[in-house]
Amino acid sequence: GDEQEYVERHTALWHVLEAVQPGDVL
C-alpha cells in the first residue's frame, strides 16, 4: 500500500531494533 515508510515503524524492522543487545549482529 501507500505511505509504507510511515507504516514501517510498526513492522519487524522497528521491533527488531528494540530487541538489540550488546554484541548482536543483525
PDB file of all heavy atoms in Angstrom:
ATOM      1  N   GLY A   1       0.809  -1.205   0.000  1.00  0.00           N
ATOM      2  CA  GLY A   1       0.000   0.000   0.000  1.00  0.00           C
ATOM      3  C   GLY A   1       0.841   1.252   0.000  1.00  0.00           C
ATOM      4  O   GLY A   1       2.055   1.218  -0.150  1.00  0.00           O
ATOM      5  N   ASP A   2       0.183   2.390   0.200  1.00  0.00           N
ATOM      6  CA  ASP A   2       0.844   3.682   0.156  1.00  0.00           C
ATOM      7  C   ASP A   2       1.440   4.029   1.519  1.00  0.00           C
ATOM      8  O   ASP A   2       1.093   3.469   2.550  1.00  0.00           O
ATOM      9  CB  ASP A   2      -0.156   4.773  -0.246  1.00  0.00           C
ATOM     10  CG  ASP A   2      -0.727   4.538  -1.634  1.00  0.00           C
ATOM     11  OD1 ASP A   2       0.004   3.964  -2.470  1.00  0.00           O
ATOM     12  OD2 ASP A   2      -1.892   4.910  -1.867  1.00  0.00           O
ATOM     13  N   GLU A   3       2.347   4.994   1.488  1.00  0.00           N
ATOM     14  CA  GLU A   3       2.938   5.555   2.696  1.00  0.00           C
ATOM     15  C   GLU A   3       3.592   4.500   3.584  1.00  0.00           C
ATOM     16  O   GLU A   3       3.545   4.552   4.803  1.00  0.00           O
ATOM     17  CB  GLU A   3       1.892   6.337   3.502  1.00  0.00           C
ATOM     18  CG  GLU A   3       1.329   7.529   2.729  1.00  0.00           C
ATOM     19  CD  GLU A   3       0.353   8.331   3.563  1.00  0.00           C
ATOM     20  OE1 GLU A   3      -0.060   7.838   4.621  1.00  0.00           O
ATOM     21  OE2 GLU A   3       0.013   9.446   3.159  1.00  0.00           O
ATOM     22  N   GLN A   4       4.224   3.523   2.947  1.00  0.00           N
ATOM     23  CA  GLN A   4       4.811   2.439   3.719  1.00  0.00           C
ATOM     24  C   GLN A   4       5.964   2.897   4.577  1.00  0.00           C
ATOM     25  O   GLN A   4       6.256   2.284   5.603  1.00  0.00           O
ATOM     26  CB  GLN A   4       5.265   1.320   2.790  1.00  0.00           C
ATOM     27  CG  GLN A   4       4.103   0.512   2.244  1.00  0.00           C
ATOM     28  CD  GLN A   4       4.591  -0.672   1.443  1.00  0.00           C
ATOM     29  OE1 GLN A   4       5.700  -1.129   1.617  1.00  0.00           O
ATOM     30  NE2 GLN A   4       3.765  -1.158   0.557  1.00  0.00           N
ATOM     31  N   GLU A   5       6.642   3.978   4.203  1.00  0.00           N
ATOM     32  CA  GLU A   5       7.755   4.440   5.017  1.00  0.00           C
ATOM     33  C   GLU A   5       7.280   4.776   6.427  1.00  0.00           C
ATOM     34  O   GLU A   5       8.002   4.601   7.399  1.00  0.00           O
ATOM     35  CB  GLU A   5       8.420   5.656   4.376  1.00  0.00           C
ATOM     36  CG  GLU A   5       9.702   6.057   5.077  1.00  0.00           C
ATOM     37  CD  GLU A   5      10.458   7.136   4.334  1.00  0.00           C
ATOM     38  OE1 GLU A   5       9.863   7.793   3.455  1.00  0.00           O
ATOM     39  OE2 GLU A   5      11.645   7.325   4.648  1.00  0.00           O
ATOM     40  N   TYR A   6       6.026   5.217   6.549  1.00  0.00           N
ATOM     41  CA  TYR A   6       5.471   5.550   7.852  1.00  0.00           C
ATOM     42  C   TYR A   6       4.875   4.319   8.524  1.00  0.00           C
ATOM     43  O   TYR A   6       4.900   4.185   9.745  1.00  0.00           O
ATOM     44  CB  TYR A   6       4.441   6.667   7.699  1.00  0.00           C
ATOM     45  CG  TYR A   6       5.064   7.895   7.100  1.00  0.00           C
ATOM     46  CD1 TYR A   6       4.962   8.156   5.729  1.00  0.00           C
ATOM     47  CD2 TYR A   6       5.819   8.765   7.886  1.00  0.00           C
ATOM     48  CE1 TYR A   6       5.574   9.265   5.160  1.00  0.00           C
ATOM     49  CE2 TYR A   6       6.434   9.875   7.325  1.00  0.00           C
ATOM     50  CZ  TYR A   6       6.306  10.126   5.963  1.00  0.00           C
ATOM     51  OH  TYR A   6       6.924  11.210   5.412  1.00  0.00           O
ATOM     52  N   VAL A   7       4.345   3.408   7.720  1.00  0.00           N
ATOM     53  CA  VAL A   7       3.839   2.147   8.248  1.00  0.00           C
ATOM     54  C   VAL A   7       4.969   1.321   8.853  1.00  0.00           C
ATOM     55  O   VAL A   7       4.788   0.593   9.826  1.00  0.00           O
ATOM     56  CB  VAL A   7       3.125   1.347   7.128  1.00  0.00           C
ATOM     57  CG1 VAL A   7       2.811  -0.080   7.590  1.00  0.00           C
ATOM     58  CG2 VAL A   7       1.846   2.057   6.705  1.00  0.00           C
ATOM     59  N   GLU A   8       6.181   1.465   8.296  1.00  0.00           N
ATOM     60  CA  GLU A   8       7.313   0.627   8.716  1.00  0.00           C
ATOM     61  C   GLU A   8       7.595   0.695  10.209  1.00  0.00           C
ATOM     62  O   GLU A   8       8.096  -0.269  10.791  1.00  0.00           O
ATOM     63  CB  GLU A   8       8.582   1.018   7.944  1.00  0.00           C
ATOM     64  CG  GLU A   8       8.661   0.421   6.566  1.00  0.00           C
ATOM     65  CD  GLU A   8       9.912   0.865   5.830  1.00  0.00           C
ATOM     66  OE1 GLU A   8      10.720   1.607   6.417  1.00  0.00           O
ATOM     67  OE2 GLU A   8      10.071   0.477   4.669  1.00  0.00           O
ATOM     68  N   ARG A   9       7.279   1.809  10.845  1.00  0.00           N
ATOM     69  CA  ARG A   9       7.598   1.936  12.267  1.00  0.00           C
ATOM     70  C   ARG A   9       6.839   0.927  13.118  1.00  0.00           C
ATOM     71  O   ARG A   9       7.160   0.738  14.288  1.00  0.00           O
ATOM     72  CB  ARG A   9       7.301   3.350  12.749  1.00  0.00           C
ATOM     73  CG  ARG A   9       5.831   3.705  12.809  1.00  0.00           C
ATOM     74  CD  ARG A   9       5.623   5.169  13.143  1.00  0.00           C
ATOM     75  NE  ARG A   9       6.202   6.034  12.127  1.00  0.00           N
ATOM     76  CZ  ARG A   9       6.142   7.368  12.172  1.00  0.00           C
ATOM     77  NH1 ARG A   9       5.547   7.963  13.182  1.00  0.00           N
ATOM     78  NH2 ARG A   9       6.666   8.089  11.210  1.00  0.00           N
ATOM     79  N   HIS A  10       5.835   0.256  12.559  1.00  0.00           N
ATOM     80  CA  HIS A  10       5.078  -0.772  13.269  1.00  0.00           C
ATOM     81  C   HIS A  10       5.506  -2.183  12.880  1.00  0.00           C
ATOM     82  O   HIS A  10       4.890  -3.151  13.320  1.00  0.00           O
ATOM     83  CB  HIS A  10       3.581  -0.617  12.978  1.00  0.00           C
ATOM     84  CG  HIS A  10       3.043   0.741  13.298  1.00  0.00           C
ATOM     85  ND1 HIS A  10       2.892   1.202  14.590  1.00  0.00           N
ATOM     86  CD2 HIS A  10       2.638   1.751  12.489  1.00  0.00           C
ATOM     87  CE1 HIS A  10       2.404   2.436  14.562  1.00  0.00           C
ATOM     88  NE2 HIS A  10       2.255   2.797  13.302  1.00  0.00           N
ATOM     89  N   THR A  11       6.515  -2.298  12.043  1.00  0.00           N
ATOM     90  CA  THR A  11       6.878  -3.596  11.492  1.00  0.00           C
ATOM     91  C   THR A  11       8.039  -4.245  12.240  1.00  0.00           C
ATOM     92  O   THR A  11       8.593  -3.688  13.186  1.00  0.00           O
ATOM     93  CB  THR A  11       7.288  -3.454  10.015  1.00  0.00           C
ATOM     94  OG1 THR A  11       8.550  -2.759   9.957  1.00  0.00           O
ATOM     95  CG2 THR A  11       6.240  -2.716   9.208  1.00  0.00           C
ATOM     96  N   ALA A  12       8.435  -5.415  11.727  1.00  0.00           N
ATOM     97  CA  ALA A  12       9.557  -6.150  12.322  1.00  0.00           C
ATOM     98  C   ALA A  12      10.842  -5.336  12.293  1.00  0.00           C
ATOM     99  O   ALA A  12      11.718  -5.523  13.139  1.00  0.00           O
ATOM    100  CB  ALA A  12       9.753  -7.472  11.582  1.00  0.00           C
ATOM    101  N   LEU A  13      10.962  -4.405  11.348  1.00  0.00           N
ATOM    102  CA  LEU A  13      12.186  -3.609  11.243  1.00  0.00           C
ATOM    103  C   LEU A  13      12.384  -2.736  12.472  1.00  0.00           C
ATOM    104  O   LEU A  13      13.491  -2.590  12.985  1.00  0.00           O
ATOM    105  CB  LEU A  13      12.134  -2.759   9.970  1.00  0.00           C
ATOM    106  CG  LEU A  13      13.336  -1.866   9.682  1.00  0.00           C
ATOM    107  CD1 LEU A  13      14.632  -2.676   9.646  1.00  0.00           C
ATOM    108  CD2 LEU A  13      13.137  -1.117   8.354  1.00  0.00           C
ATOM    109  N   TRP A  14      11.329  -2.141  12.961  1.00  0.00           N
ATOM    110  CA  TRP A  14      11.431  -1.331  14.176  1.00  0.00           C
ATOM    111  C   TRP A  14      11.509  -2.221  15.414  1.00  0.00           C
ATOM    112  O   TRP A  14      12.270  -1.955  16.334  1.00  0.00           O
ATOM    113  CB  TRP A  14      10.229  -0.391  14.277  1.00  0.00           C
ATOM    114  CG  TRP A  14      10.520   1.026  13.880  1.00  0.00           C
ATOM    115  CD1 TRP A  14      10.506   2.124  14.701  1.00  0.00           C
ATOM    116  CD2 TRP A  14      10.881   1.516  12.585  1.00  0.00           C
ATOM    117  NE1 TRP A  14      10.820   3.254  13.994  1.00  0.00           N
ATOM    118  CE2 TRP A  14      11.047   2.914  12.680  1.00  0.00           C
ATOM    119  CE3 TRP A  14      11.059   0.919  11.344  1.00  0.00           C
ATOM    120  CZ2 TRP A  14      11.408   3.712  11.607  1.00  0.00           C
ATOM    121  CZ3 TRP A  14      11.406   1.699  10.266  1.00  0.00           C
ATOM    122  CH2 TRP A  14      11.584   3.067  10.400  1.00  0.00           C
ATOM    123  N   HIS A  15      10.714  -3.279  15.449  1.00  0.00           N
ATOM    124  CA  HIS A  15      10.701  -4.172  16.615  1.00  0.00           C
ATOM    125  C   HIS A  15      12.058  -4.812  16.859  1.00  0.00           C
ATOM    126  O   HIS A  15      12.501  -4.929  18.003  1.00  0.00           O
ATOM    127  CB  HIS A  15       9.635  -5.259  16.419  1.00  0.00           C
ATOM    128  CG  HIS A  15       8.251  -4.797  16.739  1.00  0.00           C
ATOM    129  ND1 HIS A  15       7.498  -5.353  17.738  1.00  0.00           N
ATOM    130  CD2 HIS A  15       7.487  -3.832  16.181  1.00  0.00           C
ATOM    131  CE1 HIS A  15       6.318  -4.759  17.790  1.00  0.00           C
ATOM    132  NE2 HIS A  15       6.293  -3.827  16.844  1.00  0.00           N
ATOM    133  N   VAL A  16      12.718  -5.258  15.787  1.00  0.00           N
ATOM    134  CA  VAL A  16      13.996  -5.948  15.978  1.00  0.00           C
ATOM    135  C   VAL A  16      15.044  -5.002  16.561  1.00  0.00           C
ATOM    136  O   VAL A  16      15.902  -5.413  17.345  1.00  0.00           O
ATOM    137  CB  VAL A  16      14.483  -6.588  14.658  1.00  0.00           C
ATOM    138  CG1 VAL A  16      15.052  -5.551  13.696  1.00  0.00           C
ATOM    139  CG2 VAL A  16      15.532  -7.664  14.934  1.00  0.00           C
ATOM    140  N   LEU A  17      14.963  -3.728  16.231  1.00  0.00           N
ATOM    141  CA  LEU A  17      15.920  -2.767  16.774  1.00  0.00           C
ATOM    142  C   LEU A  17      15.731  -2.555  18.273  1.00  0.00           C
ATOM    143  O   LEU A  17      16.686  -2.263  18.987  1.00  0.00           O
ATOM    144  CB  LEU A  17      15.817  -1.445  16.019  1.00  0.00           C
ATOM    145  CG  LEU A  17      16.262  -1.508  14.554  1.00  0.00           C
ATOM    146  CD1 LEU A  17      15.984  -0.182  13.855  1.00  0.00           C
ATOM    147  CD2 LEU A  17      17.729  -1.876  14.437  1.00  0.00           C
ATOM    148  N   GLU A  18      14.503  -2.705  18.745  1.00  0.00           N
ATOM    149  CA  GLU A  18      14.264  -2.597  20.186  1.00  0.00           C
ATOM    150  C   GLU A  18      14.733  -3.845  20.926  1.00  0.00           C
ATOM    151  O   GLU A  18      14.892  -3.829  22.148  1.00  0.00           O
ATOM    152  CB  GLU A  18      12.777  -2.345  20.464  1.00  0.00           C
ATOM    153  CG  GLU A  18      12.230  -1.057  19.883  1.00  0.00           C
ATOM    154  CD  GLU A  18      12.924   0.185  20.422  1.00  0.00           C
ATOM    155  OE1 GLU A  18      13.599   0.095  21.470  1.00  0.00           O
ATOM    156  OE2 GLU A  18      12.800   1.257  19.804  1.00  0.00           O
ATOM    157  N   ALA A  19      14.961  -4.939  20.183  1.00  0.00           N
ATOM    158  CA  ALA A  19      15.405  -6.189  20.793  1.00  0.00           C
ATOM    159  C   ALA A  19      16.924  -6.327  20.831  1.00  0.00           C
ATOM    160  O   ALA A  19      17.444  -7.311  21.351  1.00  0.00           O
ATOM    161  CB  ALA A  19      14.803  -7.376  20.039  1.00  0.00           C
ATOM    162  N   VAL A  20      17.656  -5.341  20.278  1.00  0.00           N
ATOM    163  CA  VAL A  20      19.114  -5.431  20.188  1.00  0.00           C
ATOM    164  C   VAL A  20      19.745  -5.487  21.574  1.00  0.00           C
ATOM    165  O   VAL A  20      19.386  -4.727  22.477  1.00  0.00           O
ATOM    166  CB  VAL A  20      19.689  -4.221  19.417  1.00  0.00           C
ATOM    167  CG1 VAL A  20      21.219  -4.226  19.459  1.00  0.00           C
ATOM    168  CG2 VAL A  20      19.192  -4.225  17.982  1.00  0.00           C
ATOM    169  N   GLN A  21      20.713  -6.392  21.716  1.00  0.00           N
ATOM    170  CA  GLN A  21      21.550  -6.457  22.907  1.00  0.00           C
ATOM    171  C   GLN A  21      23.008  -6.284  22.494  1.00  0.00           C
ATOM    172  O   GLN A  21      23.375  -6.547  21.341  1.00  0.00           O
ATOM    173  CB  GLN A  21      21.357  -7.788  23.636  1.00  0.00           C
ATOM    174  CG  GLN A  21      19.970  -7.969  24.229  1.00  0.00           C
ATOM    175  CD  GLN A  21      19.851  -9.219  25.077  1.00  0.00           C
ATOM    176  OE1 GLN A  21      20.852  -9.778  25.538  1.00  0.00           O
ATOM    177  NE2 GLN A  21      18.622  -9.658  25.298  1.00  0.00           N
ATOM    178  N   PRO A  22      23.856  -5.814  23.405  1.00  0.00           N
ATOM    179  CA  PRO A  22      25.271  -5.609  23.055  1.00  0.00           C
ATOM    180  C   PRO A  22      25.901  -6.876  22.474  1.00  0.00           C
ATOM    181  O   PRO A  22      25.721  -7.971  22.996  1.00  0.00           O
ATOM    182  CB  PRO A  22      25.906  -5.228  24.402  1.00  0.00           C
ATOM    183  CG  PRO A  22      24.794  -4.582  25.158  1.00  0.00           C
ATOM    184  CD  PRO A  22      23.559  -5.345  24.779  1.00  0.00           C
ATOM    185  N   GLY A  23      26.637  -6.694  21.382  1.00  0.00           N
ATOM    186  CA  GLY A  23      27.294  -7.814  20.723  1.00  0.00           C
ATOM    187  C   GLY A  23      26.484  -8.480  19.637  1.00  0.00           C
ATOM    188  O   GLY A  23      26.976  -9.394  18.964  1.00  0.00           O
ATOM    189  N   ASP A  24      25.244  -8.040  19.425  1.00  0.00           N
ATOM    190  CA  ASP A  24      24.412  -8.642  18.385  1.00  0.00           C
ATOM    191  C   ASP A  24      24.880  -8.250  16.987  1.00  0.00           C
ATOM    192  O   ASP A  24      25.312  -7.108  16.757  1.00  0.00           O
ATOM    193  CB  ASP A  24      22.950  -8.204  18.535  1.00  0.00           C
ATOM    194  CG  ASP A  24      22.217  -8.953  19.625  1.00  0.00           C
ATOM    195  OD1 ASP A  24      22.760  -9.956  20.144  1.00  0.00           O
ATOM    196  OD2 ASP A  24      21.085  -8.532  19.978  1.00  0.00           O
ATOM    197  N   VAL A  25      24.760  -9.186  16.057  1.00  0.00           N
ATOM    198  CA  VAL A  25      24.928  -8.907  14.636  1.00  0.00           C
ATOM    199  C   VAL A  25      23.568  -9.114  13.977  1.00  0.00           C
ATOM    200  O   VAL A  25      23.007 -10.210  14.036  1.00  0.00           O
ATOM    201  CB  VAL A  25      25.980  -9.831  13.990  1.00  0.00           C
ATOM    202  CG1 VAL A  25      26.040  -9.601  12.482  1.00  0.00           C
ATOM    203  CG2 VAL A  25      27.353  -9.590  14.601  1.00  0.00           C
ATOM    204  N   LEU A  26      23.035  -8.072  13.384  1.00  0.00           N
ATOM    205  CA  LEU A  26      21.749  -8.170  12.708  1.00  0.00           C
ATOM    206  C   LEU A  26      21.936  -8.892  11.377  1.00  0.00           C
ATOM    207  O   LEU A  26      22.720  -8.455  10.532  1.00  0.00           O
ATOM    208  CB  LEU A  26      21.170  -6.772  12.473  1.00  0.00           C
ATOM    209  CG  LEU A  26      19.777  -6.726  11.826  1.00  0.00           C
ATOM    210  CD1 LEU A  26      18.736  -7.380  12.727  1.00  0.00           C
ATOM    211  CD2 LEU A  26      19.379  -5.282  11.511  1.00  0.00           C
TER     212      LEU A  26
END
